[in-house]
N, C-alpha and C. Protein backbone atom coordinates (compact mmCIF):
# COMPACT_ATOMS: atom_id res chain seq x y z
N UNK A 1 102.01 5.00 129.08
CA UNK A 1 101.48 5.85 130.13
C UNK A 1 101.45 5.07 131.44
N UNK A 2 102.22 5.49 132.42
CA UNK A 2 102.34 4.80 133.70
C UNK A 2 101.16 5.15 134.60
N UNK A 3 100.71 4.14 135.35
CA UNK A 3 99.63 4.37 136.31
C UNK A 3 100.17 5.13 137.51
N UNK A 4 99.35 6.03 138.02
CA UNK A 4 99.72 6.78 139.22
C UNK A 4 99.60 5.87 140.43
N UNK A 5 100.64 5.85 141.27
CA UNK A 5 100.61 5.01 142.47
C UNK A 5 99.75 5.69 143.53
N UNK A 6 98.74 4.95 143.97
CA UNK A 6 97.81 5.47 144.97
C UNK A 6 98.29 5.03 146.35
N UNK A 7 98.39 5.95 147.30
CA UNK A 7 98.81 5.57 148.66
C UNK A 7 97.80 4.58 149.26
N UNK A 8 98.28 3.67 150.07
CA UNK A 8 97.44 2.65 150.69
C UNK A 8 97.50 2.78 152.20
N UNK A 9 96.32 2.74 152.84
CA UNK A 9 96.27 2.73 154.29
C UNK A 9 96.14 1.28 154.73
N UNK A 10 97.07 0.80 155.54
CA UNK A 10 97.03 -0.57 156.05
C UNK A 10 96.18 -0.62 157.32
N UNK A 11 95.94 -1.83 157.80
CA UNK A 11 95.19 -2.00 159.04
C UNK A 11 95.94 -1.32 160.19
N UNK A 12 97.26 -1.44 160.22
CA UNK A 12 98.06 -0.80 161.28
C UNK A 12 97.92 0.72 161.21
N UNK A 13 97.92 1.27 160.00
CA UNK A 13 97.73 2.72 159.83
C UNK A 13 96.36 3.13 160.36
N UNK A 14 95.35 2.33 160.04
CA UNK A 14 93.99 2.63 160.48
C UNK A 14 93.89 2.56 162.00
N UNK A 15 94.52 1.58 162.60
CA UNK A 15 94.54 1.48 164.07
C UNK A 15 95.17 2.72 164.67
N UNK A 16 96.27 3.20 164.09
CA UNK A 16 96.92 4.42 164.59
C UNK A 16 96.00 5.63 164.50
N UNK A 17 95.27 5.77 163.41
CA UNK A 17 94.34 6.90 163.24
C UNK A 17 93.20 6.80 164.25
N UNK A 18 92.66 5.60 164.43
CA UNK A 18 91.59 5.40 165.40
C UNK A 18 92.07 5.77 166.80
N UNK A 19 93.27 5.32 167.16
CA UNK A 19 93.83 5.62 168.49
C UNK A 19 93.98 7.12 168.67
N UNK A 20 94.46 7.79 167.65
CA UNK A 20 94.67 9.24 167.73
C UNK A 20 93.34 10.00 167.85
N UNK A 21 92.36 9.63 167.04
CA UNK A 21 91.09 10.35 167.03
C UNK A 21 90.21 10.04 168.24
N UNK A 22 90.32 8.81 168.77
CA UNK A 22 89.45 8.39 169.87
C UNK A 22 90.11 8.52 171.24
N UNK A 23 91.41 8.77 171.25
CA UNK A 23 92.19 8.83 172.47
C UNK A 23 92.19 7.48 173.21
N UNK A 24 91.99 6.40 172.45
CA UNK A 24 92.13 5.05 173.01
C UNK A 24 93.57 4.61 172.79
N UNK A 25 93.98 3.59 173.52
CA UNK A 25 95.31 3.04 173.27
C UNK A 25 95.29 2.32 171.93
N UNK A 26 96.48 2.07 171.37
CA UNK A 26 96.55 1.34 170.11
C UNK A 26 95.99 -0.06 170.28
N UNK A 27 96.24 -0.67 171.43
CA UNK A 27 95.74 -2.01 171.70
C UNK A 27 94.21 -2.03 171.71
N UNK A 28 93.60 -1.06 172.39
CA UNK A 28 92.14 -0.97 172.44
C UNK A 28 91.56 -0.61 171.08
N UNK A 29 92.26 0.23 170.34
CA UNK A 29 91.81 0.60 168.99
C UNK A 29 91.83 -0.61 168.07
N UNK A 30 92.86 -1.43 168.19
CA UNK A 30 92.96 -2.64 167.35
C UNK A 30 91.84 -3.61 167.71
N UNK A 31 91.53 -3.73 169.00
CA UNK A 31 90.43 -4.60 169.45
C UNK A 31 89.10 -4.10 168.89
N UNK A 32 88.89 -2.79 168.94
CA UNK A 32 87.63 -2.20 168.46
C UNK A 32 87.49 -2.41 166.95
N UNK A 33 88.56 -2.18 166.20
CA UNK A 33 88.52 -2.37 164.75
C UNK A 33 88.28 -3.84 164.41
N UNK A 34 88.98 -4.73 165.07
CA UNK A 34 88.80 -6.17 164.83
C UNK A 34 87.38 -6.61 165.16
N UNK A 35 86.82 -6.09 166.24
CA UNK A 35 85.46 -6.44 166.63
C UNK A 35 84.46 -5.94 165.59
N UNK A 36 84.66 -4.72 165.09
CA UNK A 36 83.74 -4.17 164.08
C UNK A 36 83.82 -4.98 162.79
N UNK A 37 85.02 -5.30 162.35
CA UNK A 37 85.17 -6.09 161.12
C UNK A 37 84.60 -7.49 161.29
N UNK A 38 84.78 -8.06 162.45
CA UNK A 38 84.24 -9.40 162.73
C UNK A 38 82.71 -9.37 162.72
N UNK A 39 82.13 -8.35 163.32
CA UNK A 39 80.66 -8.22 163.36
C UNK A 39 80.10 -8.06 161.95
N UNK A 40 80.75 -7.27 161.12
CA UNK A 40 80.31 -7.09 159.73
C UNK A 40 80.40 -8.41 158.98
N UNK A 41 81.52 -9.10 159.14
CA UNK A 41 81.72 -10.39 158.46
C UNK A 41 80.67 -11.40 158.89
N UNK A 42 80.41 -11.51 160.18
CA UNK A 42 79.42 -12.47 160.70
C UNK A 42 78.03 -12.16 160.14
N UNK A 43 77.67 -10.89 160.07
CA UNK A 43 76.36 -10.51 159.54
C UNK A 43 76.26 -10.90 158.07
N UNK A 44 77.31 -10.65 157.29
CA UNK A 44 77.29 -11.00 155.87
C UNK A 44 77.19 -12.51 155.68
N UNK A 45 77.89 -13.28 156.50
CA UNK A 45 77.83 -14.74 156.42
C UNK A 45 76.39 -15.22 156.66
N UNK A 46 75.66 -14.55 157.55
CA UNK A 46 74.27 -14.89 157.83
C UNK A 46 73.32 -14.41 156.74
N UNK A 47 73.84 -13.64 155.77
CA UNK A 47 73.00 -13.11 154.70
C UNK A 47 72.36 -11.77 155.03
N UNK A 48 72.80 -11.15 156.11
CA UNK A 48 72.25 -9.86 156.51
C UNK A 48 72.99 -8.72 155.82
N UNK A 49 72.31 -7.58 155.70
CA UNK A 49 72.95 -6.35 155.21
C UNK A 49 73.41 -5.57 156.43
N UNK A 50 74.50 -4.83 156.27
CA UNK A 50 74.99 -3.95 157.33
C UNK A 50 74.97 -2.54 156.78
N UNK A 51 74.10 -1.71 157.34
CA UNK A 51 73.95 -0.34 156.86
C UNK A 51 74.46 0.62 157.92
N UNK A 52 75.46 1.42 157.54
CA UNK A 52 76.01 2.44 158.42
C UNK A 52 75.62 3.78 157.78
N UNK A 53 74.60 4.42 158.34
CA UNK A 53 74.05 5.64 157.76
C UNK A 53 75.15 6.69 157.62
N UNK A 54 75.23 7.27 156.45
CA UNK A 54 76.24 8.29 156.16
C UNK A 54 77.54 7.70 155.64
N UNK A 55 77.73 6.40 155.77
CA UNK A 55 78.95 5.76 155.30
C UNK A 55 78.67 4.84 154.12
N UNK A 56 77.83 3.83 154.35
CA UNK A 56 77.50 2.93 153.26
C UNK A 56 76.87 1.64 153.74
N UNK A 57 76.65 0.73 152.77
CA UNK A 57 75.99 -0.53 153.05
C UNK A 57 76.83 -1.69 152.55
N UNK A 58 77.03 -2.67 153.41
CA UNK A 58 77.70 -3.91 153.05
C UNK A 58 76.60 -4.95 152.83
N UNK A 59 76.73 -5.75 151.76
CA UNK A 59 75.75 -6.79 151.50
C UNK A 59 76.39 -7.92 150.71
N UNK A 60 75.66 -9.03 150.60
CA UNK A 60 76.12 -10.16 149.80
C UNK A 60 75.30 -10.17 148.52
N UNK A 61 75.98 -10.27 147.40
CA UNK A 61 75.29 -10.34 146.11
C UNK A 61 75.53 -11.71 145.50
N UNK A 62 74.51 -12.21 144.83
CA UNK A 62 74.62 -13.50 144.15
C UNK A 62 75.12 -13.29 142.74
N UNK A 63 76.18 -13.99 142.38
CA UNK A 63 76.73 -13.95 141.02
C UNK A 63 76.21 -15.16 140.27
N UNK A 64 75.72 -14.95 139.08
CA UNK A 64 75.17 -16.03 138.27
C UNK A 64 76.28 -16.89 137.67
N UNK A 65 75.94 -18.13 137.36
CA UNK A 65 76.86 -19.00 136.63
C UNK A 65 77.10 -18.35 135.26
N UNK A 66 78.34 -18.43 134.77
CA UNK A 66 78.63 -17.81 133.48
C UNK A 66 79.73 -18.58 132.75
N UNK A 67 79.80 -18.34 131.45
CA UNK A 67 80.83 -18.96 130.63
C UNK A 67 82.03 -18.03 130.58
N UNK A 68 83.22 -18.58 130.82
CA UNK A 68 84.45 -17.79 130.76
C UNK A 68 85.41 -18.46 129.78
N UNK A 69 86.34 -17.67 129.26
CA UNK A 69 87.32 -18.19 128.32
C UNK A 69 88.71 -18.04 128.90
N UNK A 70 89.46 -19.16 128.93
CA UNK A 70 90.84 -19.13 129.38
C UNK A 70 91.65 -18.41 128.30
N UNK A 71 92.29 -17.28 128.60
CA UNK A 71 92.98 -16.50 127.56
C UNK A 71 94.17 -17.22 126.93
N UNK A 72 94.80 -18.12 127.65
CA UNK A 72 95.97 -18.79 127.07
C UNK A 72 95.60 -19.97 126.18
N UNK A 73 94.50 -20.68 126.54
CA UNK A 73 94.12 -21.86 125.75
C UNK A 73 92.89 -21.62 124.89
N UNK A 74 92.19 -20.52 125.11
CA UNK A 74 90.92 -20.18 124.43
C UNK A 74 89.81 -21.19 124.74
N UNK A 75 90.02 -22.01 125.76
CA UNK A 75 89.05 -23.01 126.15
C UNK A 75 87.93 -22.36 126.96
N UNK A 76 86.68 -22.72 126.62
CA UNK A 76 85.53 -22.20 127.35
C UNK A 76 85.25 -23.12 128.54
N UNK A 77 84.99 -22.51 129.68
CA UNK A 77 84.61 -23.26 130.88
C UNK A 77 83.48 -22.53 131.57
N UNK A 78 82.87 -23.19 132.53
CA UNK A 78 81.77 -22.59 133.28
C UNK A 78 82.29 -22.13 134.65
N UNK A 79 82.07 -20.85 134.94
CA UNK A 79 82.36 -20.33 136.28
C UNK A 79 81.09 -20.53 137.09
N UNK A 80 81.16 -21.26 138.19
CA UNK A 80 79.94 -21.57 138.95
C UNK A 80 79.34 -20.32 139.61
N UNK A 81 78.06 -20.41 139.93
CA UNK A 81 77.40 -19.34 140.68
C UNK A 81 78.06 -19.23 142.05
N UNK A 82 78.10 -18.02 142.58
CA UNK A 82 78.72 -17.83 143.88
C UNK A 82 78.15 -16.59 144.55
N UNK A 83 78.47 -16.44 145.81
CA UNK A 83 78.08 -15.25 146.56
C UNK A 83 79.31 -14.37 146.71
N UNK A 84 79.11 -13.07 146.66
CA UNK A 84 80.23 -12.14 146.73
C UNK A 84 79.88 -10.94 147.62
N UNK A 85 80.79 -10.54 148.52
CA UNK A 85 80.51 -9.36 149.34
C UNK A 85 80.59 -8.10 148.47
N UNK A 86 79.75 -7.12 148.81
CA UNK A 86 79.73 -5.87 148.05
C UNK A 86 79.54 -4.70 149.01
N UNK A 87 80.00 -3.55 148.58
CA UNK A 87 79.86 -2.33 149.38
C UNK A 87 79.31 -1.24 148.49
N UNK A 88 78.29 -0.54 148.96
CA UNK A 88 77.75 0.61 148.24
C UNK A 88 77.92 1.83 149.15
N UNK A 89 78.68 2.80 148.66
CA UNK A 89 78.95 4.00 149.45
C UNK A 89 77.68 4.83 149.65
N UNK A 90 77.55 5.41 150.84
CA UNK A 90 76.43 6.29 151.13
C UNK A 90 76.69 7.69 150.60
N UNK A 91 75.65 8.51 150.58
CA UNK A 91 75.75 9.86 150.02
C UNK A 91 76.80 10.71 150.72
N UNK A 92 76.86 10.66 152.04
CA UNK A 92 77.83 11.48 152.77
C UNK A 92 79.26 11.09 152.40
N UNK A 93 79.54 9.79 152.26
CA UNK A 93 80.87 9.34 151.88
C UNK A 93 81.18 9.76 150.44
N UNK A 94 80.22 9.60 149.55
CA UNK A 94 80.42 10.02 148.15
C UNK A 94 80.73 11.51 148.08
N UNK A 95 79.96 12.31 148.82
CA UNK A 95 80.17 13.76 148.82
C UNK A 95 81.54 14.13 149.41
N UNK A 96 81.97 13.43 150.45
CA UNK A 96 83.26 13.72 151.08
C UNK A 96 84.42 13.42 150.12
N UNK A 97 84.28 12.34 149.36
CA UNK A 97 85.35 11.94 148.43
C UNK A 97 85.37 12.83 147.20
N UNK A 98 84.21 13.32 146.78
CA UNK A 98 84.10 14.09 145.55
C UNK A 98 84.21 15.59 145.78
N UNK A 99 85.08 15.99 146.69
CA UNK A 99 85.29 17.42 146.96
C UNK A 99 86.04 18.02 145.78
N UNK A 100 85.55 19.13 145.29
CA UNK A 100 86.18 19.74 144.11
C UNK A 100 86.98 20.95 144.47
């Protein structure tokens, strides 16, 4: 059973959509998108949550140290604790995606 190929929107595609919807130039749209992504990244690095009402919340979650098994050698090793970015979709986004 083959997996269905899901279309992917690239950063360039997103810049084009932003330019079209906002009537900004592509250059200004790319600057705005880069600034927004940079601001979100900087906040996460500081340990802050970024909540965009109606869209979702970006946050950093702590992953515990755990034992993992190398599938080729069956050797057990320890995966160290780490921090990982996470996104939780807001109700409006969930409802928009789950249109029946």
